Amino acid sequence: MTKRVAIFLSGGGSNMRALVEDMTGDHPARPCLVFSNQADAGGIAWAKERGIPTEVVDHRPYKGDRAAFEAAITEKITPYKPDIICLAGFMRKLTGAFTDQWAGRMINIHPSLLPKYRGLHTHARTLEAGDTRHGCTVHEVTAELDDGPILGQASLEVHQDDTPETLAARVLKLEHQLYPACLRRFAEGNREPLCIKA
């Protein structure tokens, strides 16, 4: 049975686009919803243009009340009956109450080789540490930030002249390869970690 995928984003949604463009043909999943906390997110406009249902819950009215924000998200997404949630640049931390509901059915992509560099500014932190390799990780989502079982990693060599910006651009290309490949396997029930070296 084809899996229904809801994709969460906060911005332009380049990873969402990579996922959607891969979900064709014999792929075991299809997008059922693109969700954002930003009504003007570029990814929402892109999805609308392609006839993919979209929903928005602005987080700002819920300041200080994550439970109410997450309840509003659940209310919006439930009618679409997603089997899997893919976080693709969704810049709001979700509480354990929400992630526990989706345990084993929610995945995320993070721009570092986890468990290194959870959180933000991963490219700058990689350069500051003098690492020779950097990359991205797809993992199952748990209540802990950027934690959970690893489903795949893609890595590349750090160049001597790299800046956080050039490194980010190169890693983003890897993300667009890794995330679709991991989602395809995840939707098939394959949890074996995938490794891509560039």
N, C-alpha and C. Protein backbone atom coordinates (compact mmCIF):
# COMPACT_ATOMS: atom_id res chain seq x y z
N MET A 1 0.84 -1.20 0.00
CA MET A 1 0.00 0.00 0.00
C MET A 1 0.87 1.25 0.00
N THR A 2 0.55 2.21 -0.83
CA THR A 2 1.33 3.43 -0.94
C THR A 2 1.24 4.24 0.36
N LYS A 3 2.40 4.67 0.86
CA LYS A 3 2.46 5.48 2.09
C LYS A 3 2.14 6.94 1.77
N ARG A 4 1.47 7.59 2.70
CA ARG A 4 1.13 9.00 2.56
C ARG A 4 2.12 9.82 3.39
N VAL A 5 2.76 10.80 2.75
CA VAL A 5 3.84 11.55 3.38
C VAL A 5 3.45 13.02 3.55
N ALA A 6 3.56 13.52 4.79
CA ALA A 6 3.41 14.94 5.07
C ALA A 6 4.82 15.52 5.25
N ILE A 7 5.09 16.62 4.58
CA ILE A 7 6.42 17.24 4.65
C ILE A 7 6.29 18.59 5.36
N PHE A 8 7.07 18.77 6.42
CA PHE A 8 7.05 20.01 7.21
C PHE A 8 8.25 20.86 6.81
N LEU A 9 8.03 22.16 6.60
CA LEU A 9 9.12 23.07 6.25
C LEU A 9 8.83 24.46 6.81
N SER A 10 9.87 25.29 6.80
CA SER A 10 9.71 26.68 7.23
C SER A 10 10.16 27.69 6.19
N GLY A 11 10.82 27.22 5.13
CA GLY A 11 11.39 28.15 4.15
C GLY A 11 11.13 27.73 2.72
N GLY A 12 12.19 27.81 1.90
CA GLY A 12 12.05 27.54 0.47
C GLY A 12 11.75 26.10 0.13
N GLY A 13 12.15 25.21 1.02
CA GLY A 13 11.76 23.81 0.84
C GLY A 13 12.52 23.06 -0.24
N SER A 14 13.83 23.31 -0.38
CA SER A 14 14.56 22.59 -1.43
C SER A 14 14.60 21.09 -1.17
N ASN A 15 14.68 20.68 0.09
CA ASN A 15 14.63 19.25 0.39
C ASN A 15 13.24 18.68 0.13
N MET A 16 12.21 19.44 0.43
CA MET A 16 10.84 19.01 0.11
C MET A 16 10.72 18.77 -1.39
N ARG A 17 11.26 19.68 -2.18
CA ARG A 17 11.17 19.52 -3.63
C ARG A 17 11.87 18.25 -4.09
N ALA A 18 13.04 17.98 -3.51
CA ALA A 18 13.78 16.76 -3.87
C ALA A 18 12.96 15.52 -3.51
N LEU A 19 12.30 15.55 -2.36
CA LEU A 19 11.47 14.42 -1.95
C LEU A 19 10.28 14.24 -2.89
N VAL A 20 9.58 15.34 -3.17
CA VAL A 20 8.39 15.28 -4.03
C VAL A 20 8.76 14.79 -5.42
N GLU A 21 9.85 15.32 -5.96
CA GLU A 21 10.24 14.96 -7.33
C GLU A 21 10.66 13.50 -7.44
N ASP A 22 11.06 12.91 -6.31
CA ASP A 22 11.44 11.49 -6.31
C ASP A 22 10.23 10.57 -6.13
N MET A 23 9.15 11.10 -5.54
CA MET A 23 7.98 10.26 -5.25
C MET A 23 7.10 10.08 -6.48
N THR A 24 7.64 9.39 -7.46
CA THR A 24 6.91 9.11 -8.70
C THR A 24 7.16 7.64 -9.07
N GLY A 25 6.50 7.18 -10.11
CA GLY A 25 6.75 5.83 -10.62
C GLY A 25 6.54 4.76 -9.58
N ASP A 26 7.57 3.94 -9.37
CA ASP A 26 7.44 2.80 -8.45
C ASP A 26 7.75 3.16 -7.00
N HIS A 27 7.88 4.43 -6.71
CA HIS A 27 8.16 4.85 -5.33
C HIS A 27 7.04 4.39 -4.41
N PRO A 28 7.37 3.88 -3.20
CA PRO A 28 6.33 3.36 -2.30
C PRO A 28 5.55 4.44 -1.55
N ALA A 29 5.81 5.72 -1.83
CA ALA A 29 5.11 6.79 -1.11
C ALA A 29 4.73 7.92 -2.06
N ARG A 30 3.78 8.73 -1.58
CA ARG A 30 3.35 9.92 -2.33
C ARG A 30 3.12 11.05 -1.32
N PRO A 31 3.37 12.31 -1.73
CA PRO A 31 3.10 13.43 -0.82
C PRO A 31 1.60 13.64 -0.66
N CYS A 32 1.15 13.77 0.59
CA CYS A 32 -0.27 14.05 0.83
C CYS A 32 -0.47 15.46 1.34
N LEU A 33 0.64 16.10 1.82
CA LEU A 33 0.52 17.43 2.43
C LEU A 33 1.89 18.08 2.56
N VAL A 34 1.94 19.38 2.32
CA VAL A 34 3.11 20.19 2.69
C VAL A 34 2.62 21.17 3.75
N PHE A 35 3.28 21.13 4.91
CA PHE A 35 2.86 21.93 6.06
C PHE A 35 3.97 22.90 6.45
N SER A 36 3.58 24.11 6.88
CA SER A 36 4.57 25.09 7.34
C SER A 36 4.04 25.91 8.50
N ASN A 37 4.98 26.49 9.24
CA ASN A 37 4.64 27.47 10.27
C ASN A 37 4.75 28.89 9.72
N GLN A 38 5.03 29.02 8.42
CA GLN A 38 5.18 30.32 7.76
C GLN A 38 4.29 30.35 6.51
N ALA A 39 3.29 31.20 6.52
CA ALA A 39 2.37 31.27 5.38
C ALA A 39 3.07 31.68 4.08
N ASP A 40 4.15 32.49 4.21
CA ASP A 40 4.84 32.98 3.02
C ASP A 40 6.06 32.12 2.65
N ALA A 41 6.16 30.94 3.22
CA ALA A 41 7.29 30.05 2.89
C ALA A 41 7.27 29.72 1.41
N GLY A 42 8.44 29.79 0.79
CA GLY A 42 8.53 29.48 -0.63
C GLY A 42 8.08 28.07 -0.96
N GLY A 43 8.31 27.16 -0.03
CA GLY A 43 7.91 25.77 -0.26
C GLY A 43 6.40 25.60 -0.35
N ILE A 44 5.66 26.43 0.38
CA ILE A 44 4.19 26.38 0.31
C ILE A 44 3.72 26.80 -1.07
N ALA A 45 4.28 27.89 -1.58
CA ALA A 45 3.90 28.37 -2.92
C ALA A 45 4.22 27.31 -3.98
N TRP A 46 5.40 26.70 -3.87
CA TRP A 46 5.82 25.67 -4.84
C TRP A 46 4.85 24.49 -4.83
N ALA A 47 4.47 24.04 -3.63
CA ALA A 47 3.55 22.91 -3.52
C ALA A 47 2.18 23.25 -4.09
N LYS A 48 1.69 24.44 -3.79
CA LYS A 48 0.38 24.87 -4.31
C LYS A 48 0.37 24.85 -5.84
N GLU A 49 1.47 25.34 -6.43
CA GLU A 49 1.56 25.37 -7.90
C GLU A 49 1.44 23.98 -8.51
N ARG A 50 1.84 22.97 -7.73
CA ARG A 50 1.83 21.59 -8.23
C ARG A 50 0.63 20.79 -7.74
N GLY A 51 -0.31 21.48 -7.12
CA GLY A 51 -1.54 20.82 -6.71
C GLY A 51 -1.41 19.95 -5.48
N ILE A 52 -0.34 20.15 -4.70
CA ILE A 52 -0.18 19.39 -3.46
C ILE A 52 -0.88 20.16 -2.34
N PRO A 53 -1.72 19.50 -1.55
CA PRO A 53 -2.40 20.20 -0.46
C PRO A 53 -1.40 20.85 0.50
N THR A 54 -1.76 22.03 1.00
CA THR A 54 -0.89 22.74 1.95
C THR A 54 -1.72 23.19 3.16
N GLU A 55 -1.04 23.28 4.28
CA GLU A 55 -1.64 23.81 5.50
C GLU A 55 -0.59 24.63 6.24
N VAL A 56 -1.04 25.64 6.98
CA VAL A 56 -0.13 26.50 7.74
C VAL A 56 -0.69 26.71 9.15
N VAL A 57 0.19 26.63 10.14
CA VAL A 57 -0.14 27.08 11.50
C VAL A 57 0.98 28.03 11.91
N ASP A 58 0.67 29.31 11.98
CA ASP A 58 1.65 30.32 12.41
C ASP A 58 1.97 30.08 13.89
N HIS A 59 3.26 29.92 14.18
CA HIS A 59 3.66 29.62 15.57
C HIS A 59 3.58 30.84 16.48
N ARG A 60 3.58 32.05 15.90
CA ARG A 60 3.73 33.25 16.73
C ARG A 60 2.59 33.47 17.73
N PRO A 61 1.34 33.21 17.38
CA PRO A 61 0.28 33.40 18.39
C PRO A 61 0.38 32.42 19.56
N TYR A 62 1.19 31.38 19.40
CA TYR A 62 1.30 30.35 20.44
C TYR A 62 2.56 30.51 21.30
N LYS A 63 3.17 31.68 21.25
CA LYS A 63 4.41 31.90 21.98
C LYS A 63 4.27 31.47 23.44
N GLY A 64 5.18 30.58 23.85
CA GLY A 64 5.16 30.12 25.23
C GLY A 64 4.22 28.95 25.48
N ASP A 65 3.50 28.52 24.44
CA ASP A 65 2.56 27.42 24.62
C ASP A 65 2.73 26.40 23.48
N ARG A 66 3.81 25.63 23.58
CA ARG A 66 4.10 24.64 22.53
C ARG A 66 2.99 23.61 22.41
N ALA A 67 2.39 23.24 23.54
CA ALA A 67 1.34 22.22 23.51
C ALA A 67 0.16 22.67 22.64
N ALA A 68 -0.22 23.94 22.77
CA ALA A 68 -1.34 24.45 21.97
C ALA A 68 -0.95 24.53 20.49
N PHE A 69 0.30 24.93 20.21
CA PHE A 69 0.80 24.98 18.83
C PHE A 69 0.76 23.59 18.21
N GLU A 70 1.24 22.61 18.96
CA GLU A 70 1.28 21.25 18.43
C GLU A 70 -0.12 20.65 18.29
N ALA A 71 -1.03 21.03 19.18
CA ALA A 71 -2.42 20.58 19.05
C ALA A 71 -3.03 21.14 17.76
N ALA A 72 -2.68 22.39 17.44
CA ALA A 72 -3.18 23.00 16.20
C ALA A 72 -2.59 22.30 14.97
N ILE A 73 -1.32 21.92 15.06
CA ILE A 73 -0.70 21.16 13.95
C ILE A 73 -1.44 19.84 13.75
N THR A 74 -1.65 19.13 14.85
CA THR A 74 -2.32 17.82 14.77
C THR A 74 -3.70 17.96 14.14
N GLU A 75 -4.41 19.01 14.54
CA GLU A 75 -5.76 19.25 13.99
C GLU A 75 -5.70 19.48 12.48
N LYS A 76 -4.67 20.19 12.03
CA LYS A 76 -4.54 20.49 10.59
C LYS A 76 -4.14 19.27 9.77
N ILE A 77 -3.24 18.45 10.32
CA ILE A 77 -2.70 17.36 9.49
C ILE A 77 -3.52 16.07 9.55
N THR A 78 -4.29 15.88 10.62
CA THR A 78 -5.02 14.62 10.80
C THR A 78 -5.93 14.26 9.62
N PRO A 79 -6.68 15.22 9.04
CA PRO A 79 -7.56 14.85 7.93
C PRO A 79 -6.83 14.25 6.72
N TYR A 80 -5.52 14.52 6.60
CA TYR A 80 -4.76 14.01 5.45
C TYR A 80 -4.23 12.59 5.68
N LYS A 81 -4.38 12.09 6.90
CA LYS A 81 -4.01 10.71 7.25
C LYS A 81 -2.58 10.34 6.82
N PRO A 82 -1.59 11.15 7.21
CA PRO A 82 -0.22 10.80 6.82
C PRO A 82 0.27 9.55 7.54
N ASP A 83 1.05 8.75 6.83
CA ASP A 83 1.72 7.59 7.42
C ASP A 83 3.11 7.96 7.92
N ILE A 84 3.72 8.95 7.26
CA ILE A 84 5.09 9.38 7.57
C ILE A 84 5.12 10.90 7.57
N ILE A 85 5.87 11.48 8.51
CA ILE A 85 6.18 12.91 8.48
C ILE A 85 7.66 13.07 8.18
N CYS A 86 7.97 13.90 7.19
CA CYS A 86 9.35 14.26 6.88
C CYS A 86 9.58 15.72 7.28
N LEU A 87 10.49 15.95 8.20
CA LEU A 87 10.88 17.32 8.54
C LEU A 87 11.95 17.75 7.54
N ALA A 88 11.69 18.84 6.84
CA ALA A 88 12.60 19.29 5.78
C ALA A 88 12.84 20.78 5.95
N GLY A 89 13.67 21.13 6.95
CA GLY A 89 13.90 22.53 7.23
C GLY A 89 12.77 23.15 8.03
N PHE A 90 12.16 22.35 8.91
CA PHE A 90 11.11 22.86 9.80
C PHE A 90 11.80 23.39 11.05
N MET A 91 11.77 24.70 11.22
CA MET A 91 12.62 25.35 12.22
C MET A 91 11.93 25.58 13.57
N ARG A 92 11.10 24.64 13.97
CA ARG A 92 10.49 24.69 15.30
C ARG A 92 10.79 23.38 16.00
N LYS A 93 11.23 23.47 17.25
CA LYS A 93 11.50 22.24 18.00
C LYS A 93 10.17 21.66 18.46
N LEU A 94 10.00 20.37 18.24
CA LEU A 94 8.77 19.68 18.64
C LEU A 94 8.99 18.98 19.98
N THR A 95 7.96 18.98 20.81
CA THR A 95 8.09 18.38 22.13
C THR A 95 7.94 16.86 22.04
N GLY A 96 8.32 16.21 23.14
CA GLY A 96 8.18 14.76 23.21
C GLY A 96 6.74 14.31 23.08
N ALA A 97 5.80 15.14 23.55
CA ALA A 97 4.39 14.78 23.45
C ALA A 97 3.98 14.60 21.98
N PHE A 98 4.54 15.44 21.10
CA PHE A 98 4.22 15.33 19.68
C PHE A 98 5.04 14.22 19.02
N THR A 99 6.35 14.22 19.27
CA THR A 99 7.21 13.22 18.60
C THR A 99 6.85 11.80 19.03
N ASP A 100 6.42 11.62 20.29
CA ASP A 100 6.05 10.27 20.74
C ASP A 100 4.86 9.72 19.96
N GLN A 101 3.93 10.62 19.58
CA GLN A 101 2.78 10.19 18.79
C GLN A 101 3.21 9.62 17.43
N TRP A 102 4.35 10.14 16.95
CA TRP A 102 4.83 9.77 15.61
C TRP A 102 6.08 8.90 15.65
N ALA A 103 6.34 8.29 16.80
CA ALA A 103 7.54 7.47 16.95
C ALA A 103 7.59 6.39 15.87
N GLY A 104 8.75 6.32 15.21
CA GLY A 104 8.92 5.34 14.14
C GLY A 104 8.29 5.74 12.82
N ARG A 105 7.69 6.95 12.78
CA ARG A 105 7.02 7.40 11.54
C ARG A 105 7.42 8.82 11.14
N MET A 106 8.39 9.41 11.88
CA MET A 106 8.83 10.77 11.57
C MET A 106 10.34 10.78 11.37
N ILE A 107 10.78 11.39 10.26
CA ILE A 107 12.21 11.46 9.97
C ILE A 107 12.62 12.90 9.67
N ASN A 108 13.93 13.14 9.80
CA ASN A 108 14.48 14.49 9.65
C ASN A 108 15.82 14.41 8.93
N ILE A 109 16.19 15.49 8.27
CA ILE A 109 17.54 15.60 7.73
C ILE A 109 18.26 16.73 8.45
N HIS A 110 19.52 16.46 8.82
CA HIS A 110 20.31 17.42 9.59
C HIS A 110 21.67 17.61 8.92
N PRO A 111 22.15 18.86 8.78
CA PRO A 111 23.40 19.11 8.06
C PRO A 111 24.67 18.92 8.89
N SER A 112 24.84 17.71 9.42
CA SER A 112 26.11 17.32 10.03
C SER A 112 26.15 15.80 10.07
N LEU A 113 27.32 15.28 10.38
CA LEU A 113 27.46 13.83 10.54
C LEU A 113 27.19 13.50 12.00
N LEU A 114 25.92 13.38 12.33
CA LEU A 114 25.52 13.08 13.71
C LEU A 114 26.23 11.82 14.20
N PRO A 115 26.61 11.76 15.49
CA PRO A 115 26.16 12.65 16.57
C PRO A 115 26.92 13.97 16.70
N LYS A 116 27.81 14.28 15.75
CA LYS A 116 28.50 15.58 15.81
C LYS A 116 27.54 16.72 15.48
N TYR A 117 27.69 17.81 16.19
CA TYR A 117 27.07 19.10 15.84
C TYR A 117 25.55 19.06 15.72
N ARG A 118 24.91 18.68 16.80
CA ARG A 118 23.46 18.86 16.86
C ARG A 118 23.16 20.36 16.91
N GLY A 119 21.96 20.73 16.47
CA GLY A 119 21.59 22.15 16.54
C GLY A 119 22.04 22.93 15.32
N LEU A 120 22.31 24.22 15.54
CA LEU A 120 22.56 25.16 14.44
C LEU A 120 24.04 25.36 14.15
N HIS A 121 24.30 26.10 13.05
CA HIS A 121 25.66 26.55 12.67
C HIS A 121 26.63 25.37 12.49
N THR A 122 26.14 24.31 11.91
CA THR A 122 26.95 23.09 11.80
C THR A 122 28.17 23.27 10.89
N HIS A 123 28.03 24.06 9.84
CA HIS A 123 29.14 24.21 8.87
C HIS A 123 30.28 25.00 9.51
N ALA A 124 29.94 26.08 10.19
CA ALA A 124 30.96 26.88 10.88
C ALA A 124 31.64 26.05 11.97
N ARG A 125 30.86 25.28 12.69
CA ARG A 125 31.43 24.45 13.77
C ARG A 125 32.37 23.38 13.21
N THR A 126 32.02 22.85 12.06
CA THR A 126 32.88 21.85 11.40
C THR A 126 34.23 22.46 11.05
N LEU A 127 34.20 23.67 10.47
CA LEU A 127 35.44 24.34 10.08
C LEU A 127 36.26 24.72 11.32
N GLU A 128 35.60 25.21 12.34
CA GLU A 128 36.31 25.60 13.57
C GLU A 128 37.02 24.40 14.21
N ALA A 129 36.42 23.22 14.07
CA ALA A 129 37.00 22.02 14.67
C ALA A 129 38.12 21.43 13.81
N GLY A 130 38.26 21.93 12.57
CA GLY A 130 39.29 21.40 11.69
C GLY A 130 38.98 20.02 11.13
N ASP A 131 37.69 19.67 11.06
CA ASP A 131 37.30 18.36 10.53
C ASP A 131 37.67 18.24 9.05
N THR A 132 38.03 17.04 8.65
CA THR A 132 38.38 16.81 7.24
C THR A 132 37.19 16.32 6.42
N ARG A 133 36.15 15.81 7.13
CA ARG A 133 34.93 15.39 6.42
C ARG A 133 33.70 15.98 7.11
N HIS A 134 32.69 16.21 6.30
CA HIS A 134 31.45 16.83 6.77
C HIS A 134 30.34 16.25 5.93
N GLY A 135 29.10 16.48 6.33
CA GLY A 135 28.01 15.94 5.53
C GLY A 135 26.67 16.13 6.18
N CYS A 136 25.79 15.17 5.95
CA CYS A 136 24.42 15.27 6.45
C CYS A 136 23.93 13.90 6.89
N THR A 137 22.88 13.92 7.71
CA THR A 137 22.34 12.71 8.30
C THR A 137 20.82 12.72 8.22
N VAL A 138 20.24 11.60 7.85
CA VAL A 138 18.80 11.39 7.97
C VAL A 138 18.58 10.46 9.16
N HIS A 139 17.68 10.86 10.05
CA HIS A 139 17.46 10.06 11.25
C HIS A 139 15.98 10.08 11.64
N GLU A 140 15.59 9.08 12.41
CA GLU A 140 14.26 9.09 12.99
C GLU A 140 14.20 10.16 14.07
N VAL A 141 13.06 10.78 14.22
CA VAL A 141 12.91 11.88 15.18
C VAL A 141 12.46 11.35 16.54
N THR A 142 13.15 11.83 17.58
CA THR A 142 12.75 11.55 18.96
C THR A 142 12.63 12.89 19.68
N ALA A 143 12.32 12.83 20.95
CA ALA A 143 12.17 14.07 21.73
C ALA A 143 13.49 14.82 21.88
N GLU A 144 14.61 14.10 21.78
CA GLU A 144 15.92 14.74 21.87
C GLU A 144 16.28 15.42 20.56
N LEU A 145 16.82 16.61 20.61
CA LEU A 145 17.16 17.37 19.41
C LEU A 145 18.20 16.63 18.57
N ASP A 146 17.89 16.45 17.28
CA ASP A 146 18.81 15.84 16.32
C ASP A 146 19.39 14.52 16.84
N ASP A 147 18.50 13.72 17.38
CA ASP A 147 18.87 12.42 17.92
C ASP A 147 18.01 11.38 17.21
N GLY A 148 18.02 10.16 17.68
CA GLY A 148 17.20 9.11 17.09
C GLY A 148 18.02 8.25 16.15
N PRO A 149 17.52 7.03 15.86
CA PRO A 149 18.25 6.09 15.01
C PRO A 149 18.61 6.69 13.65
N ILE A 150 19.86 6.48 13.25
CA ILE A 150 20.35 7.02 11.97
C ILE A 150 19.91 6.12 10.82
N LEU A 151 19.33 6.73 9.80
CA LEU A 151 18.87 6.01 8.62
C LEU A 151 19.83 6.15 7.44
N GLY A 152 20.68 7.16 7.47
CA GLY A 152 21.63 7.35 6.38
C GLY A 152 22.51 8.55 6.60
N GLN A 153 23.70 8.49 6.02
CA GLN A 153 24.62 9.63 6.06
C GLN A 153 25.31 9.77 4.71
N ALA A 154 25.56 11.02 4.33
CA ALA A 154 26.33 11.32 3.12
C ALA A 154 27.44 12.27 3.53
N SER A 155 28.65 12.01 3.06
CA SER A 155 29.79 12.83 3.49
C SER A 155 30.64 13.27 2.31
N LEU A 156 31.38 14.35 2.53
CA LEU A 156 32.29 14.87 1.52
C LEU A 156 33.55 15.38 2.22
N GLU A 157 34.58 15.62 1.42
CA GLU A 157 35.83 16.13 1.97
C GLU A 157 35.73 17.63 2.16
N VAL A 158 36.22 18.11 3.29
CA VAL A 158 36.27 19.55 3.54
C VAL A 158 37.51 20.12 2.84
N HIS A 159 37.31 21.16 2.05
CA HIS A 159 38.42 21.79 1.34
C HIS A 159 39.08 22.86 2.22
N GLN A 160 40.35 23.08 2.00
CA GLN A 160 41.09 24.07 2.80
C GLN A 160 40.51 25.47 2.67
N ASP A 161 39.97 25.77 1.48
CA ASP A 161 39.44 27.11 1.24
C ASP A 161 37.93 27.21 1.49
N ASP A 162 37.34 26.17 2.07
CA ASP A 162 35.89 26.21 2.34
C ASP A 162 35.55 27.29 3.36
N THR A 163 34.40 27.90 3.15
CA THR A 163 33.78 28.80 4.12
C THR A 163 32.48 28.12 4.57
N PRO A 164 31.86 28.62 5.63
CA PRO A 164 30.57 28.03 6.00
C PRO A 164 29.57 28.04 4.85
N GLU A 165 29.64 29.08 4.02
CA GLU A 165 28.69 29.21 2.90
C GLU A 165 28.97 28.19 1.80
N THR A 166 30.26 28.02 1.43
CA THR A 166 30.56 27.06 0.36
C THR A 166 30.30 25.63 0.84
N LEU A 167 30.60 25.39 2.10
CA LEU A 167 30.36 24.06 2.66
C LEU A 167 28.86 23.77 2.70
N ALA A 168 28.08 24.76 3.11
CA ALA A 168 26.63 24.59 3.16
C ALA A 168 26.07 24.26 1.79
N ALA A 169 26.56 24.94 0.76
CA ALA A 169 26.07 24.71 -0.61
C ALA A 169 26.40 23.31 -1.09
N ARG A 170 27.60 22.85 -0.76
CA ARG A 170 28.00 21.51 -1.20
C ARG A 170 27.25 20.42 -0.43
N VAL A 171 27.04 20.65 0.86
CA VAL A 171 26.31 19.67 1.67
C VAL A 171 24.84 19.61 1.24
N LEU A 172 24.27 20.76 0.86
CA LEU A 172 22.87 20.78 0.43
C LEU A 172 22.65 19.87 -0.77
N LYS A 173 23.62 19.84 -1.69
CA LYS A 173 23.51 18.94 -2.85
C LYS A 173 23.46 17.48 -2.39
N LEU A 174 24.26 17.17 -1.36
CA LEU A 174 24.23 15.81 -0.81
C LEU A 174 22.89 15.52 -0.15
N GLU A 175 22.34 16.52 0.54
CA GLU A 175 21.04 16.33 1.18
C GLU A 175 19.99 15.94 0.16
N HIS A 176 20.05 16.57 -1.01
CA HIS A 176 19.05 16.30 -2.06
C HIS A 176 19.19 14.91 -2.65
N GLN A 177 20.34 14.27 -2.45
CA GLN A 177 20.52 12.86 -2.85
C GLN A 177 20.10 11.92 -1.72
N LEU A 178 20.57 12.25 -0.51
CA LEU A 178 20.39 11.35 0.62
C LEU A 178 18.94 11.24 1.08
N TYR A 179 18.27 12.37 1.22
CA TYR A 179 16.93 12.33 1.82
C TYR A 179 15.94 11.51 0.98
N PRO A 180 15.87 11.75 -0.33
CA PRO A 180 14.96 10.91 -1.13
C PRO A 180 15.30 9.42 -1.05
N ALA A 181 16.59 9.10 -1.07
CA ALA A 181 16.99 7.69 -1.01
C ALA A 181 16.57 7.06 0.32
N CYS A 182 16.75 7.80 1.41
CA CYS A 182 16.37 7.28 2.73
C CYS A 182 14.85 7.17 2.87
N LEU A 183 14.11 8.15 2.36
CA LEU A 183 12.65 8.07 2.45
C LEU A 183 12.13 6.86 1.70
N ARG A 184 12.66 6.62 0.52
CA ARG A 184 12.23 5.47 -0.29
C ARG A 184 12.42 4.17 0.52
N ARG A 185 13.60 4.03 1.11
CA ARG A 185 13.88 2.83 1.89
C ARG A 185 13.00 2.76 3.15
N PHE A 186 12.82 3.90 3.81
CA PHE A 186 12.01 3.97 5.03
C PHE A 186 10.57 3.56 4.73
N ALA A 187 10.03 4.05 3.63
CA ALA A 187 8.65 3.73 3.25
C ALA A 187 8.48 2.26 2.91
N GLU A 188 9.57 1.62 2.51
CA GLU A 188 9.54 0.18 2.23
C GLU A 188 9.74 -0.66 3.49
N GLY A 189 10.04 0.02 4.62
CA GLY A 189 10.27 -0.69 5.87
C GLY A 189 11.72 -1.05 6.11
N ASN A 190 12.63 -0.48 5.28
CA ASN A 190 14.06 -0.76 5.40
C ASN A 190 14.72 0.29 6.30
N ARG A 191 15.19 -0.11 7.48
CA ARG A 191 15.82 0.82 8.42
C ARG A 191 17.35 0.68 8.43
N GLU A 192 17.90 -0.12 7.53
CA GLU A 192 19.36 -0.26 7.48
C GLU A 192 20.00 1.06 7.06
N PRO A 193 20.98 1.56 7.82
CA PRO A 193 21.59 2.85 7.46
C PRO A 193 22.25 2.82 6.08
N LEU A 194 22.02 3.88 5.33
CA LEU A 194 22.59 4.07 3.99
C LEU A 194 23.81 4.98 4.12
N CYS A 195 24.86 4.67 3.38
CA CYS A 195 26.08 5.49 3.44
C CYS A 195 26.45 5.94 2.03
N ILE A 196 26.59 7.26 1.84
CA ILE A 196 27.01 7.83 0.55
C ILE A 196 28.27 8.64 0.79
N LYS A 197 29.31 8.37 0.01
CA LYS A 197 30.55 9.16 0.12
C LYS A 197 30.79 9.89 -1.17
N ALA A 198 31.02 11.20 -1.08
CA ALA A 198 31.28 12.00 -2.26
C ALA A 198 32.76 12.37 -2.31
